[in-house]
Amino acid sequence: MEIFGEIIKKYLNAPYNYANVKFPDRKLNVLIFPDKDFIISDEKTDKIAKDWALPAGLSKPETDWTTFY
């Protein structure tokens, strides 16, 4: 996963750009931002990611990523 994340980060050109990699069979979302990664597996980690993403420049609708937990 680390190598994949590093490849993706090369193409993210702003703090609020991100990639959302979904693993519904494992009930995970992996959010890759240029300077931060989140593995979302429950409401707590989802809230932590949203609390970080909003000040980074994402709008509230942009933080409504699909979750599988």
Protein backbone atom coordinates (compact mmCIF):
# COMPACT_ATOMS: atom_id res chain seq x y z
CA MET A 1 0.00 0.00 0.00
CA GLU A 2 2.85 2.41 0.71
CA ILE A 3 4.23 2.23 -2.82
CA PHE A 4 0.75 2.76 -4.28
CA GLY A 5 0.24 5.77 -2.01
CA GLU A 6 3.54 7.33 -3.05
CA ILE A 7 2.66 6.93 -6.74
CA ILE A 8 -0.74 8.59 -6.21
CA LYS A 9 0.72 11.47 -4.16
CA LYS A 10 2.89 12.55 -7.10
CA TYR A 11 -0.29 13.57 -8.94
CA LEU A 12 -2.07 15.38 -6.11
CA ASN A 13 -1.25 19.05 -6.55
CA ALA A 14 -3.11 20.72 -3.68
CA PRO A 15 -3.58 19.92 0.02
CA TYR A 16 -7.27 19.17 -0.56
CA ASN A 17 -6.78 16.85 -3.57
CA TYR A 18 -7.18 13.23 -2.62
CA ALA A 19 -7.71 9.70 -3.86
CA ASN A 20 -10.34 7.48 -2.29
CA VAL A 21 -9.54 3.79 -2.57
CA LYS A 22 -12.46 1.60 -1.51
CA PHE A 23 -12.28 -1.94 -0.20
CA PRO A 24 -15.94 -2.83 0.45
CA ASP A 25 -15.14 -6.49 1.08
CA ARG A 26 -12.82 -5.43 3.94
CA LYS A 27 -15.12 -2.55 5.00
CA LEU A 28 -12.36 0.03 4.47
CA ASN A 29 -11.85 3.32 2.71
CA VAL A 30 -8.31 4.55 2.24
CA LEU A 31 -8.00 8.29 1.66
CA ILE A 32 -4.68 9.45 0.27
CA PHE A 33 -3.92 13.17 0.55
CA PRO A 34 -0.57 14.75 -0.40
CA ASP A 35 0.53 15.01 3.25
CA LYS A 36 -1.73 12.58 5.09
CA ASP A 37 -3.36 9.17 4.71
CA PHE A 38 -6.44 7.82 6.46
CA ILE A 39 -7.68 4.26 6.74
CA ILE A 40 -11.36 4.58 7.55
CA SER A 41 -12.89 1.55 9.20
CA ASP A 42 -15.33 3.07 11.68
CA GLU A 43 -17.15 6.27 12.62
CA LYS A 44 -14.27 7.50 14.77
CA THR A 45 -11.67 7.38 11.99
CA ASP A 46 -14.22 8.84 9.56
CA LYS A 47 -14.72 11.82 11.87
CA ILE A 48 -10.95 12.28 12.29
CA ALA A 49 -10.53 12.34 8.50
CA LYS A 50 -13.36 14.83 8.03
CA ASP A 51 -12.08 17.06 10.84
CA TRP A 52 -8.70 17.15 9.09
CA ALA A 53 -10.05 17.54 5.53
CA LEU A 54 -12.40 20.48 6.11
CA PRO A 55 -9.67 22.91 7.27
CA ALA A 56 -7.41 21.57 4.49
CA GLY A 57 -9.86 22.98 1.92
CA LEU A 58 -12.51 20.36 1.19
CA SER A 59 -16.12 21.46 1.33
CA LYS A 60 -18.60 19.60 3.50
CA PRO A 61 -20.22 17.79 0.49
CA GLU A 62 -16.76 16.64 -0.63
CA THR A 63 -16.28 14.87 2.70
CA ASP A 64 -19.37 12.72 2.17
CA TRP A 65 -17.29 9.84 0.90
CA THR A 66 -18.95 6.47 0.92
CA THR A 67 -18.13 4.36 3.95
CA PHE A 68 -18.49 0.62 4.33
CA TYR A 69 -18.24 0.05 8.09
